[in-house]
Amino acid sequence: MLDDERDPGGRGPVSSALAGRVRCIREELYGENGGPLLAEALRIPFAAWVGYEGGDEIPGEVILRFLEVTDVHPHWLLTGAGSRFLGEAGEI
């Protein structure tokens, strides 16, 4: 990640956009109040998940589990472009 992509608090444009996309997927698959269910599926504390949705840096292991649990397309998660889920029409 480039230095100009993140502020000193770690919540620059890239992490803010990623936080918005993981929140979008959580709401779509688990509902508005489904954070605790997703956190359980990811084997992390709910408080950690709240931080990630708020823009905290998400550890690689958690991102990998998130991809596995949700079937979200890695390219979409990174960029917001293309199909949201693996196997959707128009997949990159």
C-alpha atoms as a PDB file:
ATOM      1  CA  MET A   1       0.000   0.000   0.000  1.00  0.00           C
ATOM      2  CA  LEU A   2       1.348   3.421  -0.869  1.00  0.00           C
ATOM      3  CA  ASP A   3       2.001   5.946   1.891  1.00  0.00           C
ATOM      4  CA  ASP A   4      -0.403   8.472   0.345  1.00  0.00           C
ATOM      5  CA  GLU A   5      -3.237   5.909   0.364  1.00  0.00           C
ATOM      6  CA  ARG A   6      -3.558   5.928   4.133  1.00  0.00           C
ATOM      7  CA  ASP A   7      -3.575   8.507   6.854  1.00  0.00           C
ATOM      8  CA  PRO A   8      -1.610   8.104  10.109  1.00  0.00           C
ATOM      9  CA  GLY A   9      -4.637   6.487  11.758  1.00  0.00           C
ATOM     10  CA  GLY A  10      -4.776   3.773   9.103  1.00  0.00           C
ATOM     11  CA  ARG A  11      -8.143   4.849   7.733  1.00  0.00           C
ATOM     12  CA  GLY A  12      -7.215   6.216   4.326  1.00  0.00           C
ATOM     13  CA  PRO A  13      -9.244   5.918   1.121  1.00  0.00           C
ATOM     14  CA  VAL A  14      -8.250   2.298   0.475  1.00  0.00           C
ATOM     15  CA  SER A  15      -9.139   0.964   3.926  1.00  0.00           C
ATOM     16  CA  SER A  16     -12.331   3.057   4.011  1.00  0.00           C
ATOM     17  CA  ALA A  17     -13.444   1.635   0.666  1.00  0.00           C
ATOM     18  CA  LEU A  18     -12.609  -1.914   1.767  1.00  0.00           C
ATOM     19  CA  ALA A  19     -14.521  -1.376   5.011  1.00  0.00           C
ATOM     20  CA  GLY A  20     -17.555  -0.267   3.007  1.00  0.00           C
ATOM     21  CA  ARG A  21     -17.384  -3.322   0.773  1.00  0.00           C
ATOM     22  CA  VAL A  22     -17.075  -5.834   3.627  1.00  0.00           C
ATOM     23  CA  ARG A  23     -19.998  -4.104   5.370  1.00  0.00           C
ATOM     24  CA  CYS A  24     -22.033  -4.293   2.134  1.00  0.00           C
ATOM     25  CA  ILE A  25     -21.424  -8.048   1.847  1.00  0.00           C
ATOM     26  CA  ARG A  26     -22.158  -8.631   5.540  1.00  0.00           C
ATOM     27  CA  GLU A  27     -25.467  -6.764   5.247  1.00  0.00           C
ATOM     28  CA  GLU A  28     -26.412  -8.613   2.047  1.00  0.00           C
ATOM     29  CA  LEU A  29     -25.639 -12.094   3.395  1.00  0.00           C
ATOM     30  CA  TYR A  30     -26.221 -11.742   7.144  1.00  0.00           C
ATOM     31  CA  GLY A  31     -28.557  -8.762   7.442  1.00  0.00           C
ATOM     32  CA  GLU A  32     -28.267  -5.420   9.154  1.00  0.00           C
ATOM     33  CA  ASN A  33     -27.709  -6.998  12.568  1.00  0.00           C
ATOM     34  CA  GLY A  34     -25.733 -10.013  11.363  1.00  0.00           C
ATOM     35  CA  GLY A  35     -22.285  -8.866  12.445  1.00  0.00           C
ATOM     36  CA  PRO A  36     -22.111 -11.307  15.361  1.00  0.00           C
ATOM     37  CA  LEU A  37     -23.041 -14.218  13.068  1.00  0.00           C
ATOM     38  CA  LEU A  38     -20.382 -13.318  10.523  1.00  0.00           C
ATOM     39  CA  ALA A  39     -17.785 -12.788  13.259  1.00  0.00           C
ATOM     40  CA  GLU A  40     -18.581 -16.261  14.581  1.00  0.00           C
ATOM     41  CA  ALA A  41     -18.221 -17.765  11.083  1.00  0.00           C
ATOM     42  CA  LEU A  42     -14.854 -15.991  10.761  1.00  0.00           C
ATOM     43  CA  ARG A  43     -13.806 -17.182  14.243  1.00  0.00           C
ATOM     44  CA  ILE A  44     -13.056 -13.664  15.470  1.00  0.00           C
ATOM     45  CA  PRO A  45     -14.497 -11.502  18.248  1.00  0.00           C
ATOM     46  CA  PHE A  46     -17.443  -9.356  17.209  1.00  0.00           C
ATOM     47  CA  ALA A  47     -15.607  -6.267  18.498  1.00  0.00           C
ATOM     48  CA  ALA A  48     -12.805  -6.958  16.008  1.00  0.00           C
ATOM     49  CA  TRP A  49     -15.342  -7.162  13.164  1.00  0.00           C
ATOM     50  CA  VAL A  50     -16.853  -3.831  14.210  1.00  0.00           C
ATOM     51  CA  GLY A  51     -13.370  -2.332  13.965  1.00  0.00           C
ATOM     52  CA  TYR A  52     -12.820  -3.759  10.482  1.00  0.00           C
ATOM     53  CA  GLU A  53     -16.114  -2.311   9.266  1.00  0.00           C
ATOM     54  CA  GLY A  54     -14.966   0.979  10.771  1.00  0.00           C
ATOM     55  CA  GLY A  55     -11.780   0.975   8.713  1.00  0.00           C
ATOM     56  CA  ASP A  56      -9.268  -0.867  10.906  1.00  0.00           C
ATOM     57  CA  GLU A  57      -6.734  -2.909   8.964  1.00  0.00           C
ATOM     58  CA  ILE A  58      -8.050  -6.429   8.330  1.00  0.00           C
ATOM     59  CA  PRO A  59      -5.462  -9.187   8.846  1.00  0.00           C
ATOM     60  CA  GLY A  60      -4.756 -11.414   5.845  1.00  0.00           C
ATOM     61  CA  GLU A  61      -6.047 -14.548   7.573  1.00  0.00           C
ATOM     62  CA  VAL A  62      -9.379 -12.826   8.266  1.00  0.00           C
ATOM     63  CA  ILE A  63      -9.678 -11.634   4.652  1.00  0.00           C
ATOM     64  CA  LEU A  64      -8.998 -15.160   3.412  1.00  0.00           C
ATOM     65  CA  ARG A  65     -11.679 -16.595   5.710  1.00  0.00           C
ATOM     66  CA  PHE A  66     -14.065 -13.805   4.626  1.00  0.00           C
ATOM     67  CA  LEU A  67     -13.521 -14.787   0.968  1.00  0.00           C
ATOM     68  CA  GLU A  68     -14.138 -18.447   1.789  1.00  0.00           C
ATOM     69  CA  VAL A  69     -17.227 -17.885   3.959  1.00  0.00           C
ATOM     70  CA  THR A  70     -18.938 -15.355   1.657  1.00  0.00           C
ATOM     71  CA  ASP A  71     -17.809 -16.458  -1.843  1.00  0.00           C
ATOM     72  CA  VAL A  72     -17.139 -12.802  -2.591  1.00  0.00           C
ATOM     73  CA  HIS A  73     -14.960 -12.208  -5.645  1.00  0.00           C
ATOM     74  CA  PRO A  74     -11.462 -11.065  -4.554  1.00  0.00           C
ATOM     75  CA  HIS A  75     -11.234  -8.541  -7.419  1.00  0.00           C
ATOM     76  CA  TRP A  76     -14.518  -6.922  -6.404  1.00  0.00           C
ATOM     77  CA  LEU A  77     -13.459  -6.835  -2.753  1.00  0.00           C
ATOM     78  CA  LEU A  78     -10.217  -5.087  -3.689  1.00  0.00           C
ATOM     79  CA  THR A  79     -11.516  -2.687  -6.330  1.00  0.00           C
ATOM     80  CA  GLY A  80     -15.312  -2.580  -6.205  1.00  0.00           C
ATOM     81  CA  ALA A  81     -15.367  -3.409  -9.927  1.00  0.00           C
ATOM     82  CA  GLY A  82     -16.857  -6.461 -11.621  1.00  0.00           C
ATOM     83  CA  SER A  83     -19.025  -9.180 -10.128  1.00  0.00           C
ATOM     84  CA  ARG A  84     -19.493  -9.226  -6.375  1.00  0.00           C
ATOM     85  CA  PHE A  85     -19.587 -12.994  -6.031  1.00  0.00           C
ATOM     86  CA  LEU A  86     -17.704 -15.867  -7.634  1.00  0.00           C
ATOM     87  CA  GLY A  87     -19.637 -17.551 -10.422  1.00  0.00           C
ATOM     88  CA  GLU A  88     -21.781 -14.501 -11.285  1.00  0.00           C
ATOM     89  CA  ALA A  89     -22.292 -13.524 -14.910  1.00  0.00           C
ATOM     90  CA  GLY A  90     -19.678 -11.070 -16.112  1.00  0.00           C
ATOM     91  CA  GLU A  91     -17.059 -12.408 -13.725  1.00  0.00           C
ATOM     92  CA  ILE A  92     -13.558 -11.085 -14.330  1.00  0.00           C
END
